[in-house]
Amino acid sequence: MRLLIVDDNMADQYLLREAAETSPSPLDLTFAMDGPHALAILKHLTQEAPGEIPHLILLDIHMPGLSGLDVLERLKTDPQLCAIPVVMLTTSNLPQDISRAFTLRANAYMQKHRDFVAFQDQFHKLVDFWQATLFPVAS
């Protein structure tokens, strides 16, 4: 499963890499440091490598320049990108951030745990859910 992770915090990127290494599912991670970088990656993929478009986007809210909510709005109004599930993975638990994310059609909203074991468990559950949702096994 291909994931695009958009987060300007290097420590959080490191934690996500560490959590991904212990995931039972094979993961292909791409990182973007901010909103414009994420949009540039996605534009390039839609034009040059449509088979490499991420299956899931993990998006932080509070980033310099273009916020995660601004990125989400652009993604969900782009016909080529609007079907990609977007999970807001952020430290914010502000009601206005949560409400705005769902108004803009985020698929899920998760507050980051600061404890690594809890964060890793949260990440694995997130990956397992989307793996089963996006790639259901025929019975």
C-alpha atoms as a PDB file:
ATOM      1  CA  MET A   1       0.000   0.000   0.000  1.00  0.00           C
ATOM      2  CA  ARG A   2       1.313   3.426  -0.987  1.00  0.00           C
ATOM      3  CA  LEU A   3       1.031   6.231   1.570  1.00  0.00           C
ATOM      4  CA  LEU A   4       1.761   9.913   1.170  1.00  0.00           C
ATOM      5  CA  ILE A   5       2.565  11.442   4.545  1.00  0.00           C
ATOM      6  CA  VAL A   6       2.393  15.228   4.721  1.00  0.00           C
ATOM      7  CA  ASP A   7       3.974  16.529   7.917  1.00  0.00           C
ATOM      8  CA  ASP A   8       6.496  19.292   8.529  1.00  0.00           C
ATOM      9  CA  ASN A   9       7.654  17.790  11.833  1.00  0.00           C
ATOM     10  CA  MET A  10      10.762  15.658  11.303  1.00  0.00           C
ATOM     11  CA  ALA A  11      10.290  13.879  14.654  1.00  0.00           C
ATOM     12  CA  ASP A  12       6.783  12.797  13.629  1.00  0.00           C
ATOM     13  CA  GLN A  13       8.106  11.641  10.249  1.00  0.00           C
ATOM     14  CA  TYR A  14      10.699   9.560  12.070  1.00  0.00           C
ATOM     15  CA  LEU A  15       8.027   8.008  14.310  1.00  0.00           C
ATOM     16  CA  LEU A  16       5.912   7.165  11.270  1.00  0.00           C
ATOM     17  CA  ARG A  17       8.906   5.515   9.569  1.00  0.00           C
ATOM     18  CA  GLU A  18       9.604   3.489  12.715  1.00  0.00           C
ATOM     19  CA  ALA A  19       5.967   2.437  13.033  1.00  0.00           C
ATOM     20  CA  ALA A  20       5.847   1.480   9.342  1.00  0.00           C
ATOM     21  CA  GLU A  21       8.892  -0.774   9.712  1.00  0.00           C
ATOM     22  CA  THR A  22       6.977  -2.958  12.160  1.00  0.00           C
ATOM     23  CA  SER A  23       3.778  -3.045  10.121  1.00  0.00           C
ATOM     24  CA  PRO A  24       2.695  -6.520   9.026  1.00  0.00           C
ATOM     25  CA  SER A  25       1.617  -4.984   5.697  1.00  0.00           C
ATOM     26  CA  PRO A  26       4.255  -3.879   3.181  1.00  0.00           C
ATOM     27  CA  LEU A  27       4.145  -0.099   2.935  1.00  0.00           C
ATOM     28  CA  ASP A  28       5.603   2.286   0.395  1.00  0.00           C
ATOM     29  CA  LEU A  29       5.981   5.652   2.130  1.00  0.00           C
ATOM     30  CA  THR A  30       6.477   9.024   0.473  1.00  0.00           C
ATOM     31  CA  PHE A  31       6.984  12.087   2.640  1.00  0.00           C
ATOM     32  CA  ALA A  32       6.161  15.706   1.893  1.00  0.00           C
ATOM     33  CA  MET A  33       7.397  18.455   4.196  1.00  0.00           C
ATOM     34  CA  ASP A  34       4.485  20.807   3.535  1.00  0.00           C
ATOM     35  CA  GLY A  35       1.336  21.358   1.526  1.00  0.00           C
ATOM     36  CA  PRO A  36       2.912  22.751  -1.649  1.00  0.00           C
ATOM     37  CA  HIS A  37       5.381  19.853  -1.735  1.00  0.00           C
ATOM     38  CA  ALA A  38       2.525  17.339  -1.365  1.00  0.00           C
ATOM     39  CA  LEU A  39       0.529  18.975  -4.155  1.00  0.00           C
ATOM     40  CA  ALA A  40       3.611  19.006  -6.405  1.00  0.00           C
ATOM     41  CA  ILE A  41       4.194  15.294  -5.774  1.00  0.00           C
ATOM     42  CA  LEU A  42       0.567  14.479  -6.560  1.00  0.00           C
ATOM     43  CA  LYS A  43       0.544  16.662  -9.704  1.00  0.00           C
ATOM     44  CA  HIS A  44       3.689  14.909 -10.933  1.00  0.00           C
ATOM     45  CA  LEU A  45       2.206  11.469 -10.261  1.00  0.00           C
ATOM     46  CA  THR A  46      -1.090  12.225 -12.008  1.00  0.00           C
ATOM     47  CA  GLN A  47       0.794  13.437 -15.079  1.00  0.00           C
ATOM     48  CA  GLU A  48       3.784  11.091 -15.182  1.00  0.00           C
ATOM     49  CA  ALA A  49       3.021   7.980 -13.113  1.00  0.00           C
ATOM     50  CA  PRO A  50      -0.697   7.511 -12.456  1.00  0.00           C
ATOM     51  CA  GLY A  51      -0.049   3.940 -11.307  1.00  0.00           C
ATOM     52  CA  GLU A  52       2.009   5.322  -8.421  1.00  0.00           C
ATOM     53  CA  ILE A  53      -0.638   7.608  -6.940  1.00  0.00           C
ATOM     54  CA  PRO A  54      -0.901   6.926  -3.189  1.00  0.00           C
ATOM     55  CA  HIS A  55      -3.683   4.732  -1.879  1.00  0.00           C
ATOM     56  CA  LEU A  56      -3.921   6.818   1.294  1.00  0.00           C
ATOM     57  CA  ILE A  57      -2.810  10.286   2.439  1.00  0.00           C
ATOM     58  CA  LEU A  58      -1.945  11.076   6.058  1.00  0.00           C
ATOM     59  CA  LEU A  59      -2.162  14.829   6.475  1.00  0.00           C
ATOM     60  CA  ASP A  60      -1.101  17.058   9.349  1.00  0.00           C
ATOM     61  CA  ILE A  61      -3.118  20.224   9.905  1.00  0.00           C
ATOM     62  CA  HIS A  62      -0.734  22.820  11.260  1.00  0.00           C
ATOM     63  CA  MET A  63       2.024  23.435   8.732  1.00  0.00           C
ATOM     64  CA  PRO A  64       3.613  26.677   7.563  1.00  0.00           C
ATOM     65  CA  GLY A  65       2.339  28.262   4.381  1.00  0.00           C
ATOM     66  CA  LEU A  66      -0.454  26.007   3.198  1.00  0.00           C
ATOM     67  CA  SER A  67      -2.254  24.292   6.075  1.00  0.00           C
ATOM     68  CA  GLY A  68      -3.391  20.702   5.932  1.00  0.00           C
ATOM     69  CA  LEU A  69      -6.982  21.902   5.740  1.00  0.00           C
ATOM     70  CA  ASP A  70      -6.098  23.990   2.679  1.00  0.00           C
ATOM     71  CA  VAL A  71      -4.434  20.950   1.110  1.00  0.00           C
ATOM     72  CA  LEU A  72      -7.466  18.802   1.933  1.00  0.00           C
ATOM     73  CA  GLU A  73      -9.771  21.315   0.256  1.00  0.00           C
ATOM     74  CA  ARG A  74      -7.659  21.264  -2.915  1.00  0.00           C
ATOM     75  CA  LEU A  75      -7.473  17.465  -2.940  1.00  0.00           C
ATOM     76  CA  LYS A  76     -11.202  16.963  -2.532  1.00  0.00           C
ATOM     77  CA  THR A  77     -12.029  19.430  -5.321  1.00  0.00           C
ATOM     78  CA  ASP A  78      -9.570  17.898  -7.807  1.00  0.00           C
ATOM     79  CA  PRO A  79     -11.294  15.281 -10.000  1.00  0.00           C
ATOM     80  CA  GLN A  80      -8.053  13.267 -10.303  1.00  0.00           C
ATOM     81  CA  LEU A  81      -7.352  13.190  -6.562  1.00  0.00           C
ATOM     82  CA  CYS A  82     -10.701  13.452  -4.764  1.00  0.00           C
ATOM     83  CA  ALA A  83     -11.155   9.680  -4.398  1.00  0.00           C
ATOM     84  CA  ILE A  84      -7.925   9.203  -2.426  1.00  0.00           C
ATOM     85  CA  PRO A  85      -8.804   8.686   1.237  1.00  0.00           C
ATOM     86  CA  VAL A  86      -7.335  11.376   3.481  1.00  0.00           C
ATOM     87  CA  VAL A  87      -6.760  10.860   7.190  1.00  0.00           C
ATOM     88  CA  MET A  88      -5.998  13.954   9.221  1.00  0.00           C
ATOM     89  CA  LEU A  89      -3.217  12.791  11.553  1.00  0.00           C
ATOM     90  CA  THR A  90      -2.479  15.723  13.821  1.00  0.00           C
ATOM     91  CA  THR A  91      -1.842  16.861  17.368  1.00  0.00           C
ATOM     92  CA  SER A  92      -4.835  19.196  17.213  1.00  0.00           C
ATOM     93  CA  ASN A  93      -7.958  18.292  19.110  1.00  0.00           C
ATOM     94  CA  LEU A  94      -9.605  21.669  18.540  1.00  0.00           C
ATOM     95  CA  PRO A  95     -13.307  21.251  17.732  1.00  0.00           C
ATOM     96  CA  GLN A  96     -13.050  23.797  14.901  1.00  0.00           C
ATOM     97  CA  ASP A  97     -10.216  21.801  13.251  1.00  0.00           C
ATOM     98  CA  ILE A  98     -12.179  18.561  13.528  1.00  0.00           C
ATOM     99  CA  SER A  99     -15.372  20.138  12.207  1.00  0.00           C
ATOM    100  CA  ARG A 100     -13.589  21.851   9.309  1.00  0.00           C
ATOM    101  CA  ALA A 101     -11.772  18.636   8.356  1.00  0.00           C
ATOM    102  CA  PHE A 102     -15.022  16.706   8.068  1.00  0.00           C
ATOM    103  CA  THR A 103     -16.748  19.588   6.275  1.00  0.00           C
ATOM    104  CA  LEU A 104     -13.936  19.385   3.704  1.00  0.00           C
ATOM    105  CA  ARG A 105     -14.557  15.606   3.398  1.00  0.00           C
ATOM    106  CA  ALA A 106     -11.671  14.123   5.378  1.00  0.00           C
ATOM    107  CA  ASN A 107     -12.181  10.378   5.634  1.00  0.00           C
ATOM    108  CA  ALA A 108     -10.946  10.210   9.230  1.00  0.00           C
ATOM    109  CA  TYR A 109      -9.437  12.375  11.941  1.00  0.00           C
ATOM    110  CA  MET A 110      -6.882  11.014  14.397  1.00  0.00           C
ATOM    111  CA  GLN A 111      -4.995  12.801  17.117  1.00  0.00           C
ATOM    112  CA  LYS A 112      -1.350  11.706  17.317  1.00  0.00           C
ATOM    113  CA  HIS A 113      -0.328   9.907  20.473  1.00  0.00           C
ATOM    114  CA  ARG A 114       2.866  11.179  22.061  1.00  0.00           C
ATOM    115  CA  ASP A 115       3.713   7.774  23.546  1.00  0.00           C
ATOM    116  CA  PHE A 116       5.504   5.770  20.824  1.00  0.00           C
ATOM    117  CA  VAL A 117       3.943   2.402  21.716  1.00  0.00           C
ATOM    118  CA  ALA A 118       0.449   3.935  21.587  1.00  0.00           C
ATOM    119  CA  PHE A 119       1.356   5.810  18.391  1.00  0.00           C
ATOM    120  CA  GLN A 120       2.662   2.615  16.773  1.00  0.00           C
ATOM    121  CA  ASP A 121      -0.498   0.727  17.752  1.00  0.00           C
ATOM    122  CA  GLN A 122      -2.631   3.569  16.392  1.00  0.00           C
ATOM    123  CA  PHE A 123      -0.677   3.552  13.113  1.00  0.00           C
ATOM    124  CA  HIS A 124      -0.980  -0.236  12.713  1.00  0.00           C
ATOM    125  CA  LYS A 125      -4.743  -0.111  13.293  1.00  0.00           C
ATOM    126  CA  LEU A 126      -5.030   2.707  10.782  1.00  0.00           C
ATOM    127  CA  VAL A 127      -3.056   0.763   8.154  1.00  0.00           C
ATOM    128  CA  ASP A 128      -4.979  -2.448   8.847  1.00  0.00           C
ATOM    129  CA  PHE A 129      -8.315  -0.677   8.459  1.00  0.00           C
ATOM    130  CA  TRP A 130      -7.413   0.986   5.171  1.00  0.00           C
ATOM    131  CA  GLN A 131      -5.698  -2.142   3.844  1.00  0.00           C
ATOM    132  CA  ALA A 132      -8.909  -4.120   4.437  1.00  0.00           C
ATOM    133  CA  THR A 133     -11.073  -1.311   3.050  1.00  0.00           C
ATOM    134  CA  LEU A 134      -9.052  -0.656  -0.099  1.00  0.00           C
ATOM    135  CA  PHE A 135      -7.984  -4.232  -0.838  1.00  0.00           C
ATOM    136  CA  PRO A 136     -10.735  -6.526   0.436  1.00  0.00           C
ATOM    137  CA  VAL A 137     -10.035 -10.226   0.282  1.00  0.00           C
ATOM    138  CA  ALA A 138     -12.667 -12.164  -1.651  1.00  0.00           C
ATOM    139  CA  SER A 139     -14.231 -14.907   0.433  1.00  0.00           C
END
